[in-house]
Amino acid sequence: IFIRWKADAWTECSATCEGNETRNVYCEQVQLDGVTQRVNDSECRASGVKPNDTRSCGESECPGYRWGSSSGSCSETCGPYGKKPVLLVCQQIADNVTVDETYCADLEQPVFSEKLPCNRVSCPPKWDIGEWIPCSATCDGVQTRKHLCRQLQLESDRHFHMRTVADSLCPGSKPSEVKSCSAACPRVVFQWALTKTWSECSAKCGKGTRTRIVRCEAKTADGKVTKVADEVCELQANNSRPIVERKCRVTSSSNVWVTSDWYQCTKSCGRGVQRRQVKCVRGCPQRLLGAGKCSLSTRPAH
């Protein structure tokens, strides 16, 4: 039987720098048959000093750390207003490599309040789309607007200026500048209208004329009719003005009474008398007959 110190393998280093490794060290009794048994450390006093159970590992000294700065994303892709925030980061002093913030946890954080300018370059051309003007009419109207190809340019004076450039420099096709803006106007038909039938013949005997009144009207799809100037219908193709006068003839084979106009009253004031001629005639031209040839029951007053 003999007694000895026994040590397990070292653990992994606790850090990449200024770290420690540990192991279990204990007193072991070994039997003649090779069987081992752990015993109290005091049994190994005769075996010398107990081996170390801790040792240093990794780099001898850790590098120093400090709070540094890094910039964030720019607020603009072009133009005069781009700014990016200053971000707080933990860095190794030796090489400025960014590390986890826990390495700087015990250090006082500086304050960065300013933002840095960024992307202050000319912008690509784009369409400057104008506002629609009011509709031109309540029906069949149109609206228009004007578009310009514009570019915000950084010029030699280091200032930005908005310039109008060629349309071909703007992306895509030019947006529409005209559009319909109201309902279609009702369809209007201009037509001749006959307001009266043919009149009686102007002659009481023989040749005369008949007349009728014709006018031009505008008729919409909703049935509304309005009188318009005759010239409107006359300008329409295949819309000639209807005739307003035609010839007529009056003939007679009967005996009829005819009268003259009333003569002047016999008195200028008070009660007077008016007379007219009443004749019995036949045919056209009229041939005078005796009064007995016409019906006395139909004789007009004379």
C-alpha atoms as a PDB file:
ATOM      1  CA  ILE A   1       0.000   0.000   0.000  1.00  0.00           C
ATOM      2  CA  PHE A   2       1.228   3.543  -0.750  1.00  0.00           C
ATOM      3  CA  ILE A   3      -0.124   7.126  -0.567  1.00  0.00           C
ATOM      4  CA  ARG A   4       0.173   9.857  -3.271  1.00  0.00           C
ATOM      5  CA  TRP A   5      -1.212  13.172  -4.520  1.00  0.00           C
ATOM      6  CA  LYS A   6      -3.560  12.808  -7.485  1.00  0.00           C
ATOM      7  CA  ALA A   7      -4.537  15.709  -9.860  1.00  0.00           C
ATOM      8  CA  ASP A   8      -7.321  15.863 -12.536  1.00  0.00           C
ATOM      9  CA  ALA A   9      -6.943  17.648 -15.864  1.00  0.00           C
ATOM     10  CA  TRP A  10      -6.919  21.471 -15.999  1.00  0.00           C
ATOM     11  CA  THR A  11     -10.204  23.208 -16.907  1.00  0.00           C
ATOM     12  CA  GLU A  12     -10.462  25.649 -19.848  1.00  0.00           C
ATOM     13  CA  CYS A  13      -9.053  29.123 -19.268  1.00  0.00           C
ATOM     14  CA  SER A  14     -11.636  31.495 -17.791  1.00  0.00           C
ATOM     15  CA  ALA A  15     -10.650  34.364 -20.163  1.00  0.00           C
ATOM     16  CA  THR A  16      -8.523  35.107 -23.197  1.00  0.00           C
ATOM     17  CA  CYS A  17      -6.377  37.381 -21.083  1.00  0.00           C
ATOM     18  CA  GLU A  18      -5.561  37.419 -17.368  1.00  0.00           C
ATOM     19  CA  GLY A  19      -7.560  34.209 -16.967  1.00  0.00           C
ATOM     20  CA  ASN A  20      -7.285  31.201 -14.630  1.00  0.00           C
ATOM     21  CA  GLU A  21      -7.332  27.403 -14.946  1.00  0.00           C
ATOM     22  CA  THR A  22      -8.342  25.064 -12.143  1.00  0.00           C
ATOM     23  CA  ARG A  23      -8.137  21.333 -11.347  1.00  0.00           C
ATOM     24  CA  ASN A  24      -9.035  18.952  -8.589  1.00  0.00           C
ATOM     25  CA  VAL A  25      -6.026  17.795  -6.422  1.00  0.00           C
ATOM     26  CA  TYR A  26      -6.614  15.132  -3.752  1.00  0.00           C
ATOM     27  CA  CYS A  27      -4.811  12.407  -1.708  1.00  0.00           C
ATOM     28  CA  GLU A  28      -5.094   8.854  -3.065  1.00  0.00           C
ATOM     29  CA  GLN A  29      -4.340   5.454  -1.481  1.00  0.00           C
ATOM     30  CA  VAL A  30      -3.187   2.686  -3.868  1.00  0.00           C
ATOM     31  CA  GLN A  31      -3.629  -0.994  -2.888  1.00  0.00           C
ATOM     32  CA  LEU A  32      -1.244  -3.755  -4.020  1.00  0.00           C
ATOM     33  CA  ASP A  33      -3.908  -5.009  -6.399  1.00  0.00           C
ATOM     34  CA  GLY A  34      -4.110  -1.536  -8.015  1.00  0.00           C
ATOM     35  CA  VAL A  35      -7.354  -0.522  -6.430  1.00  0.00           C
ATOM     36  CA  THR A  36      -7.340   3.221  -5.537  1.00  0.00           C
ATOM     37  CA  GLN A  37      -9.262   5.052  -2.859  1.00  0.00           C
ATOM     38  CA  ARG A  38      -9.513   8.749  -2.068  1.00  0.00           C
ATOM     39  CA  VAL A  39      -8.407   9.553   1.499  1.00  0.00           C
ATOM     40  CA  ASN A  40      -8.004  12.653   3.639  1.00  0.00           C
ATOM     41  CA  ASP A  41      -5.348  15.106   2.452  1.00  0.00           C
ATOM     42  CA  SER A  42      -3.553  14.752   5.818  1.00  0.00           C
ATOM     43  CA  GLU A  43      -2.552  11.193   4.807  1.00  0.00           C
ATOM     44  CA  CYS A  44      -0.320  12.648   2.050  1.00  0.00           C
ATOM     45  CA  ARG A  45       1.870  14.807   4.275  1.00  0.00           C
ATOM     46  CA  ALA A  46       4.732  12.415   3.800  1.00  0.00           C
ATOM     47  CA  SER A  47       4.301  12.681   0.000  1.00  0.00           C
ATOM     48  CA  GLY A  48       5.388  16.295  -0.160  1.00  0.00           C
ATOM     49  CA  VAL A  49       3.632  19.579  -0.797  1.00  0.00           C
ATOM     50  CA  LYS A  50       0.154  19.446  -2.334  1.00  0.00           C
ATOM     51  CA  PRO A  51       0.307  20.438  -6.018  1.00  0.00           C
ATOM     52  CA  ASN A  52      -1.345  23.704  -7.117  1.00  0.00           C
ATOM     53  CA  ASP A  53      -5.018  23.519  -8.079  1.00  0.00           C
ATOM     54  CA  THR A  54      -5.052  27.027  -9.772  1.00  0.00           C
ATOM     55  CA  ARG A  55      -2.787  28.688 -12.360  1.00  0.00           C
ATOM     56  CA  SER A  56      -2.808  31.699 -14.667  1.00  0.00           C
ATOM     57  CA  CYS A  57      -3.635  31.324 -18.336  1.00  0.00           C
ATOM     58  CA  GLY A  58      -4.207  33.385 -21.508  1.00  0.00           C
ATOM     59  CA  GLU A  59      -2.278  36.568 -22.268  1.00  0.00           C
ATOM     60  CA  SER A  60      -0.460  37.962 -19.340  1.00  0.00           C
ATOM     61  CA  GLU A  61      -2.228  41.338 -19.589  1.00  0.00           C
ATOM     62  CA  CYS A  62      -5.587  42.285 -21.041  1.00  0.00           C
ATOM     63  CA  PRO A  63      -5.652  45.165 -23.557  1.00  0.00           C
ATOM     64  CA  GLY A  64      -7.121  48.502 -22.411  1.00  0.00           C
ATOM     65  CA  TYR A  65     -10.647  49.606 -23.437  1.00  0.00           C
ATOM     66  CA  ARG A  66     -12.309  52.939 -24.004  1.00  0.00           C
ATOM     67  CA  TRP A  67     -15.571  54.381 -25.245  1.00  0.00           C
ATOM     68  CA  GLY A  68     -15.319  55.418 -28.895  1.00  0.00           C
ATOM     69  CA  SER A  69     -17.706  56.537 -31.613  1.00  0.00           C
ATOM     70  CA  SER A  70     -19.153  55.094 -34.795  1.00  0.00           C
ATOM     71  CA  SER A  71     -21.602  56.684 -37.259  1.00  0.00           C
ATOM     72  CA  GLY A  72     -25.131  55.367 -37.919  1.00  0.00           C
ATOM     73  CA  SER A  73     -27.154  55.330 -41.142  1.00  0.00           C
ATOM     74  CA  CYS A  74     -27.549  58.547 -43.132  1.00  0.00           C
ATOM     75  CA  SER A  75     -31.006  60.182 -43.055  1.00  0.00           C
ATOM     76  CA  GLU A  76     -30.937  61.082 -46.793  1.00  0.00           C
ATOM     77  CA  THR A  77     -29.551  59.544 -49.977  1.00  0.00           C
ATOM     78  CA  CYS A  78     -28.729  62.958 -51.512  1.00  0.00           C
ATOM     79  CA  GLY A  79     -29.243  66.691 -51.101  1.00  0.00           C
ATOM     80  CA  PRO A  80     -28.220  69.225 -48.449  1.00  0.00           C
ATOM     81  CA  TYR A  81     -29.919  67.772 -45.391  1.00  0.00           C
ATOM     82  CA  GLY A  82     -28.324  64.353 -44.862  1.00  0.00           C
ATOM     83  CA  LYS A  83     -27.174  63.658 -41.301  1.00  0.00           C
ATOM     84  CA  LYS A  84     -26.098  60.546 -39.443  1.00  0.00           C
ATOM     85  CA  PRO A  85     -26.019  60.033 -35.671  1.00  0.00           C
ATOM     86  CA  VAL A  86     -22.857  59.359 -33.680  1.00  0.00           C
ATOM     87  CA  LEU A  87     -23.097  55.956 -31.969  1.00  0.00           C
ATOM     88  CA  LEU A  88     -21.278  55.058 -28.743  1.00  0.00           C
ATOM     89  CA  VAL A  89     -19.141  51.860 -28.983  1.00  0.00           C
ATOM     90  CA  CYS A  90     -16.607  50.082 -26.781  1.00  0.00           C
ATOM     91  CA  GLN A  91     -13.161  49.760 -28.431  1.00  0.00           C
ATOM     92  CA  GLN A  92      -9.804  48.209 -27.690  1.00  0.00           C
ATOM     93  CA  ILE A  93      -7.262  50.973 -27.196  1.00  0.00           C
ATOM     94  CA  ALA A  94      -4.514  49.162 -29.092  1.00  0.00           C
ATOM     95  CA  ASP A  95      -6.301  48.670 -32.429  1.00  0.00           C
ATOM     96  CA  ASN A  96      -9.710  50.446 -32.148  1.00  0.00           C
ATOM     97  CA  VAL A  97     -11.513  47.139 -32.697  1.00  0.00           C
ATOM     98  CA  THR A  98     -15.119  47.293 -31.473  1.00  0.00           C
ATOM     99  CA  VAL A  99     -15.865  44.807 -28.706  1.00  0.00           C
ATOM    100  CA  ASP A 100     -18.810  44.020 -26.462  1.00  0.00           C
ATOM    101  CA  GLU A 101     -19.922  46.944 -24.295  1.00  0.00           C
ATOM    102  CA  THR A 102     -19.421  44.892 -21.156  1.00  0.00           C
ATOM    103  CA  TYR A 103     -15.665  45.545 -21.436  1.00  0.00           C
ATOM    104  CA  CYS A 104     -16.372  49.280 -20.967  1.00  0.00           C
ATOM    105  CA  ALA A 105     -19.083  48.852 -18.349  1.00  0.00           C
ATOM    106  CA  ASP A 106     -16.947  50.392 -15.604  1.00  0.00           C
ATOM    107  CA  LEU A 107     -15.882  53.387 -17.703  1.00  0.00           C
ATOM    108  CA  GLU A 108     -17.661  56.732 -17.801  1.00  0.00           C
ATOM    109  CA  GLN A 109     -19.600  57.215 -21.046  1.00  0.00           C
ATOM    110  CA  PRO A 110     -18.922  60.385 -23.067  1.00  0.00           C
ATOM    111  CA  VAL A 111     -21.848  62.346 -24.545  1.00  0.00           C
ATOM    112  CA  PHE A 112     -22.083  62.789 -28.339  1.00  0.00           C
ATOM    113  CA  SER A 113     -24.857  65.251 -29.216  1.00  0.00           C
ATOM    114  CA  GLU A 114     -23.926  66.357 -32.739  1.00  0.00           C
ATOM    115  CA  LYS A 115     -24.851  64.601 -35.957  1.00  0.00           C
ATOM    116  CA  LEU A 116     -22.466  64.333 -38.880  1.00  0.00           C
ATOM    117  CA  PRO A 117     -23.263  65.500 -42.445  1.00  0.00           C
ATOM    118  CA  CYS A 118     -23.552  62.702 -45.020  1.00  0.00           C
ATOM    119  CA  ASN A 119     -24.546  61.943 -48.639  1.00  0.00           C
ATOM    120  CA  ARG A 120     -24.496  65.628 -49.576  1.00  0.00           C
ATOM    121  CA  VAL A 121     -24.389  65.061 -53.316  1.00  0.00           C
ATOM    122  CA  SER A 122     -26.624  65.954 -56.296  1.00  0.00           C
ATOM    123  CA  CYS A 123     -29.944  64.105 -56.423  1.00  0.00           C
ATOM    124  CA  PRO A 124     -31.100  62.180 -59.511  1.00  0.00           C
ATOM    125  CA  PRO A 125     -33.673  64.011 -61.704  1.00  0.00           C
ATOM    126  CA  LYS A 126     -37.351  63.399 -60.908  1.00  0.00           C
ATOM    127  CA  TRP A 127     -40.748  64.601 -62.098  1.00  0.00           C
ATOM    128  CA  ASP A 128     -42.138  67.689 -60.385  1.00  0.00           C
ATOM    129  CA  ILE A 129     -45.888  67.068 -60.778  1.00  0.00           C
ATOM    130  CA  GLY A 130     -48.140  70.144 -60.846  1.00  0.00           C
ATOM    131  CA  GLU A 131     -51.621  70.574 -59.425  1.00  0.00           C
ATOM    132  CA  TRP A 132     -54.729  69.981 -61.552  1.00  0.00           C
ATOM    133  CA  ILE A 133     -56.475  73.221 -62.567  1.00  0.00           C
ATOM    134  CA  PRO A 134     -60.286  73.447 -62.138  1.00  0.00           C
ATOM    135  CA  CYS A 135     -62.471  71.598 -64.640  1.00  0.00           C
ATOM    136  CA  SER A 136     -63.061  73.565 -67.843  1.00  0.00           C
ATOM    137  CA  ALA A 137     -66.803  72.812 -68.060  1.00  0.00           C
ATOM    138  CA  THR A 138     -69.667  71.143 -66.216  1.00  0.00           C
ATOM    139  CA  CYS A 139     -69.914  68.538 -68.974  1.00  0.00           C
ATOM    140  CA  ASP A 140     -67.345  67.249 -71.494  1.00  0.00           C
ATOM    141  CA  GLY A 141     -64.756  69.194 -69.495  1.00  0.00           C
ATOM    142  CA  VAL A 142     -61.019  68.617 -69.133  1.00  0.00           C
ATOM    143  CA  GLN A 143     -58.406  69.330 -66.486  1.00  0.00           C
ATOM    144  CA  THR A 144     -54.770  70.089 -67.200  1.00  0.00           C
ATOM    145  CA  ARG A 145     -51.561  70.263 -65.200  1.00  0.00           C
ATOM    146  CA  LYS A 146     -47.904  70.844 -66.020  1.00  0.00           C
ATOM    147  CA  HIS A 147     -44.961  68.581 -65.188  1.00  0.00           C
ATOM    148  CA  LEU A 148     -41.268  69.490 -65.192  1.00  0.00           C
ATOM    149  CA  CYS A 149     -38.186  67.298 -64.933  1.00  0.00           C
ATOM    150  CA  ARG A 150     -36.241  68.829 -62.024  1.00  0.00           C
ATOM    151  CA  GLN A 151     -32.920  68.066 -60.350  1.00  0.00           C
ATOM    152  CA  LEU A 152     -31.426  69.275 -57.070  1.00  0.00           C
ATOM    153  CA  GLN A 153     -27.801  69.926 -58.043  1.00  0.00           C
ATOM    154  CA  LEU A 154     -24.690  70.549 -55.952  1.00  0.00           C
ATOM    155  CA  GLU A 155     -22.859  73.280 -57.831  1.00  0.00           C
ATOM    156  CA  SER A 156     -19.384  74.760 -57.741  1.00  0.00           C
ATOM    157  CA  ASP A 157     -20.315  77.209 -54.972  1.00  0.00           C
ATOM    158  CA  ARG A 158     -20.998  74.150 -52.759  1.00  0.00           C
ATOM    159  CA  HIS A 159     -24.643  75.152 -52.564  1.00  0.00           C
ATOM    160  CA  PHE A 160     -27.619  73.184 -53.842  1.00  0.00           C
ATOM    161  CA  HIS A 161     -29.868  74.619 -56.580  1.00  0.00           C
ATOM    162  CA  MET A 162     -33.069  73.194 -58.078  1.00  0.00           C
ATOM    163  CA  ARG A 163     -32.751  73.158 -61.867  1.00  0.00           C
ATOM    164  CA  THR A 164     -35.134  72.229 -64.707  1.00  0.00           C
ATOM    165  CA  VAL A 165     -33.506  69.638 -66.973  1.00  0.00           C
ATOM    166  CA  ALA A 166     -34.486  67.732 -70.126  1.00  0.00           C
ATOM    167  CA  ASP A 167     -37.500  65.414 -69.826  1.00  0.00           C
ATOM    168  CA  SER A 168     -35.385  62.548 -71.148  1.00  0.00           C
ATOM    169  CA  LEU A 169     -33.302  62.597 -67.937  1.00  0.00           C
ATOM    170  CA  CYS A 170     -36.276  61.746 -65.700  1.00  0.00           C
ATOM    171  CA  PRO A 171     -37.141  58.085 -65.051  1.00  0.00           C
ATOM    172  CA  GLY A 172     -40.122  56.521 -66.806  1.00  0.00           C
ATOM    173  CA  SER A 173     -42.608  58.184 -69.109  1.00  0.00           C
ATOM    174  CA  LYS A 174     -43.936  61.677 -68.435  1.00  0.00           C
ATOM    175  CA  PRO A 175     -47.128  61.576 -66.302  1.00  0.00           C
ATOM    176  CA  SER A 176     -50.389  62.552 -67.992  1.00  0.00           C
ATOM    177  CA  GLU A 177     -51.111  66.282 -68.147  1.00  0.00           C
ATOM    178  CA  VAL A 178     -54.747  66.103 -69.374  1.00  0.00           C
ATOM    179  CA  LYS A 179     -57.779  64.176 -68.093  1.00  0.00           C
ATOM    180  CA  SER A 180     -61.556  64.242 -68.357  1.00  0.00           C
ATOM    181  CA  CYS A 181     -63.216  65.801 -65.344  1.00  0.00           C
ATOM    182  CA  SER A 182     -66.988  65.812 -65.845  1.00  0.00           C
ATOM    183  CA  ALA A 183     -69.779  63.725 -67.273  1.00  0.00           C
ATOM    184  CA  ALA A 184     -70.464  63.641 -70.987  1.00  0.00           C
ATOM    185  CA  CYS A 185     -72.818  66.333 -72.166  1.00  0.00           C
ATOM    186  CA  PRO A 186     -76.316  65.096 -73.151  1.00  0.00           C
ATOM    187  CA  ARG A 187     -76.640  64.430 -76.886  1.00  0.00           C
ATOM    188  CA  VAL A 188     -78.480  67.301 -78.586  1.00  0.00           C
ATOM    189  CA  VAL A 189     -80.528  66.884 -81.766  1.00  0.00           C
ATOM    190  CA  PHE A 190     -81.439  69.964 -83.778  1.00  0.00           C
ATOM    191  CA  GLN A 191     -84.611  69.541 -85.786  1.00  0.00           C
ATOM    192  CA  TRP A 192     -87.320  71.490 -87.561  1.00  0.00           C
ATOM    193  CA  ALA A 193     -90.663  71.558 -85.751  1.00  0.00           C
ATOM    194  CA  LEU A 194     -94.053  72.342 -87.339  1.00  0.00           C
ATOM    195  CA  THR A 195     -95.911  74.441 -84.831  1.00  0.00           C
ATOM    196  CA  LYS A 196     -99.197  74.648 -86.780  1.00  0.00           C
ATOM    197  CA  THR A 197    -100.972  72.834 -89.568  1.00  0.00           C
ATOM    198  CA  TRP A 198    -101.508  74.502 -92.928  1.00  0.00           C
ATOM    199  CA  SER A 199    -103.721  77.569 -92.796  1.00  0.00           C
ATOM    200  CA  GLU A 200    -106.875  77.987 -94.879  1.00  0.00           C
ATOM    201  CA  CYS A 201    -106.405  79.204 -98.429  1.00  0.00           C
ATOM    202  CA  SER A 202    -105.875  82.945 -98.577  1.00  0.00           C
ATOM    203  CA  ALA A 203    -108.384  83.317-101.429  1.00  0.00           C
ATOM    204  CA  LYS A 204    -112.074  82.935-101.044  1.00  0.00           C
ATOM    205  CA  CYS A 205    -112.302  82.151-104.712  1.00  0.00           C
ATOM    206  CA  GLY A 206    -109.703  81.146-107.237  1.00  0.00           C
ATOM    207  CA  LYS A 207    -105.911  81.029-106.615  1.00  0.00           C
ATOM    208  CA  GLY A 208    -104.371  81.687-103.193  1.00  0.00           C
ATOM    209  CA  THR A 209    -101.765  80.369-100.745  1.00  0.00           C
ATOM    210  CA  ARG A 210    -101.636  78.275 -97.572  1.00  0.00           C
ATOM    211  CA  THR A 211     -98.960  78.839 -94.879  1.00  0.00           C
ATOM    212  CA  ARG A 212     -97.595  77.128 -91.782  1.00  0.00           C
ATOM    213  CA  ILE A 213     -95.104  78.090 -89.047  1.00  0.00           C
ATOM    214  CA  VAL A 214     -91.775  76.187 -88.885  1.00  0.00           C
ATOM    215  CA  ARG A 215     -89.108  76.706 -86.205  1.00  0.00           C
ATOM    216  CA  CYS A 216     -85.743  75.143 -85.179  1.00  0.00           C
ATOM    217  CA  GLU A 217     -85.654  73.242 -81.868  1.00  0.00           C
ATOM    218  CA  ALA A 218     -82.888  71.644 -79.773  1.00  0.00           C
ATOM    219  CA  LYS A 219     -83.900  68.353 -78.169  1.00  0.00           C
ATOM    220  CA  THR A 220     -81.689  66.668 -75.535  1.00  0.00           C
ATOM    221  CA  ALA A 221     -81.604  62.994 -74.560  1.00  0.00           C
ATOM    222  CA  ASP A 222     -83.721  63.713 -71.492  1.00  0.00           C
ATOM    223  CA  GLY A 223     -86.506  65.103 -73.710  1.00  0.00           C
ATOM    224  CA  LYS A 224     -86.001  68.798 -72.984  1.00  0.00           C
ATOM    225  CA  VAL A 225     -86.887  70.972 -75.986  1.00  0.00           C
ATOM    226  CA  THR A 226     -85.625  74.534 -76.513  1.00  0.00           C
ATOM    227  CA  LYS A 227     -86.230  76.945 -79.415  1.00  0.00           C
ATOM    228  CA  VAL A 228     -83.011  78.051 -81.090  1.00  0.00           C
ATOM    229  CA  ALA A 229     -82.126  80.230 -84.060  1.00  0.00           C
ATOM    230  CA  ASP A 230     -83.165  78.838 -87.459  1.00  0.00           C
ATOM    231  CA  GLU A 231     -79.563  79.144 -88.609  1.00  0.00           C
ATOM    232  CA  VAL A 232     -78.586  76.273 -86.263  1.00  0.00           C
ATOM    233  CA  CYS A 233     -80.828  73.807 -88.118  1.00  0.00           C
ATOM    234  CA  GLU A 234     -79.832  75.239 -91.485  1.00  0.00           C
ATOM    235  CA  LEU A 235     -76.179  74.420 -90.751  1.00  0.00           C
ATOM    236  CA  GLN A 236     -76.961  70.754 -90.134  1.00  0.00           C
ATOM    237  CA  ALA A 237     -76.245  68.439 -93.044  1.00  0.00           C
ATOM    238  CA  ASN A 238     -79.303  66.870 -94.709  1.00  0.00           C
ATOM    239  CA  ASN A 239     -81.569  69.070 -92.643  1.00  0.00           C
ATOM    240  CA  SER A 240     -83.142  71.466 -95.155  1.00  0.00           C
ATOM    241  CA  ARG A 241     -85.870  73.807 -93.984  1.00  0.00           C
ATOM    242  CA  PRO A 242     -89.417  72.508 -94.717  1.00  0.00           C
ATOM    243  CA  ILE A 243     -91.561  74.664 -97.035  1.00  0.00           C
ATOM    244  CA  VAL A 244     -93.744  77.200 -95.239  1.00  0.00           C
ATOM    245  CA  GLU A 245     -96.007  78.200 -98.154  1.00  0.00           C
ATOM    246  CA  ARG A 246     -97.842  76.409-100.948  1.00  0.00           C
ATOM    247  CA  LYS A 247    -100.376  77.309-103.576  1.00  0.00           C
ATOM    248  CA  CYS A 248    -104.100  76.611-103.311  1.00  0.00           C
ATOM    249  CA  ARG A 249    -107.283  77.134-105.381  1.00  0.00           C
ATOM    250  CA  VAL A 250    -110.842  77.604-104.210  1.00  0.00           C
ATOM    251  CA  THR A 251    -113.627  76.414-106.519  1.00  0.00           C
ATOM    252  CA  SER A 252    -117.386  76.297-105.968  1.00  0.00           C
ATOM    253  CA  SER A 253    -120.415  74.906-107.830  1.00  0.00           C
ATOM    254  CA  SER A 254    -122.892  76.029-105.160  1.00  0.00           C
ATOM    255  CA  ASN A 255    -124.853  79.231-104.685  1.00  0.00           C
ATOM    256  CA  VAL A 256    -123.392  81.051-101.677  1.00  0.00           C
ATOM    257  CA  TRP A 257    -123.733  84.359 -99.905  1.00  0.00           C
ATOM    258  CA  VAL A 258    -120.744  86.713 -99.982  1.00  0.00           C
ATOM    259  CA  THR A 259    -120.338  89.910 -97.991  1.00  0.00           C
ATOM    260  CA  SER A 260    -118.388  93.143 -98.259  1.00  0.00           C
ATOM    261  CA  ASP A 261    -116.673  94.852 -95.328  1.00  0.00           C
ATOM    262  CA  TRP A 262    -118.848  96.833 -92.973  1.00  0.00           C
ATOM    263  CA  TYR A 263    -119.343 100.492 -93.971  1.00  0.00           C
ATOM    264  CA  GLN A 264    -118.664 103.353 -91.568  1.00  0.00           C
ATOM    265  CA  CYS A 265    -121.215 103.944 -88.761  1.00  0.00           C
ATOM    266  CA  THR A 266    -123.927 106.462 -89.638  1.00  0.00           C
ATOM    267  CA  LYS A 267    -123.189 108.509 -86.527  1.00  0.00           C
ATOM    268  CA  SER A 268    -119.977 109.613 -84.872  1.00  0.00           C
ATOM    269  CA  CYS A 269    -121.573 109.426 -81.423  1.00  0.00           C
ATOM    270  CA  GLY A 270    -124.732 108.038 -79.952  1.00  0.00           C
ATOM    271  CA  ARG A 271    -126.703 105.263 -81.590  1.00  0.00           C
ATOM    272  CA  GLY A 272    -125.909 104.687 -85.294  1.00  0.00           C
ATOM    273  CA  VAL A 273    -126.093 101.965 -87.911  1.00  0.00           C
ATOM    274  CA  GLN A 274    -123.479 100.023 -89.962  1.00  0.00           C
ATOM    275  CA  ARG A 275    -124.329  98.364 -93.251  1.00  0.00           C
ATOM    276  CA  ARG A 276    -122.612  96.025 -95.758  1.00  0.00           C
ATOM    277  CA  GLN A 277    -123.442  94.414 -99.061  1.00  0.00           C
ATOM    278  CA  VAL A 278    -124.688  90.832 -99.119  1.00  0.00           C
ATOM    279  CA  LYS A 279    -124.829  89.104-102.521  1.00  0.00           C
ATOM    280  CA  CYS A 280    -125.820  85.698-103.793  1.00  0.00           C
ATOM    281  CA  VAL A 281    -123.130  84.343-106.140  1.00  0.00           C
ATOM    282  CA  ARG A 282    -122.107  81.130-107.850  1.00  0.00           C
ATOM    283  CA  GLY A 283    -118.771  79.634-109.064  1.00  0.00           C
ATOM    284  CA  CYS A 284    -115.299  81.078-109.452  1.00  0.00           C
ATOM    285  CA  PRO A 285    -115.013  83.627-110.825  1.00  0.00           C
ATOM    286  CA  GLN A 286    -118.157  84.619-109.004  1.00  0.00           C
ATOM    287  CA  ARG A 287    -121.325  85.202-111.013  1.00  0.00           C
ATOM    288  CA  LEU A 288    -123.954  87.411-109.417  1.00  0.00           C
ATOM    289  CA  LEU A 289    -127.359  85.784-108.956  1.00  0.00           C
ATOM    290  CA  GLY A 290    -130.663  87.006-107.685  1.00  0.00           C
ATOM    291  CA  ALA A 291    -131.216  86.882-103.926  1.00  0.00           C
ATOM    292  CA  GLY A 292    -133.809  84.180-104.359  1.00  0.00           C
ATOM    293  CA  LYS A 293    -131.196  81.765-105.702  1.00  0.00           C
ATOM    294  CA  CYS A 294    -129.539  81.437-102.249  1.00  0.00           C
ATOM    295  CA  SER A 295    -131.035  80.058 -99.069  1.00  0.00           C
ATOM    296  CA  LEU A 296    -132.650  82.883 -97.125  1.00  0.00           C
ATOM    297  CA  SER A 297    -132.112  80.980 -93.850  1.00  0.00           C
ATOM    298  CA  THR A 298    -128.332  81.336 -94.173  1.00  0.00           C
ATOM    299  CA  ARG A 299    -128.272  84.923 -95.398  1.00  0.00           C
ATOM    300  CA  PRO A 300    -125.741  86.998 -93.331  1.00  0.00           C
ATOM    301  CA  ALA A 301    -126.799  90.214 -91.628  1.00  0.00           C
ATOM    302  CA  HIS A 302    -126.490  93.290 -93.783  1.00  0.00           C
END
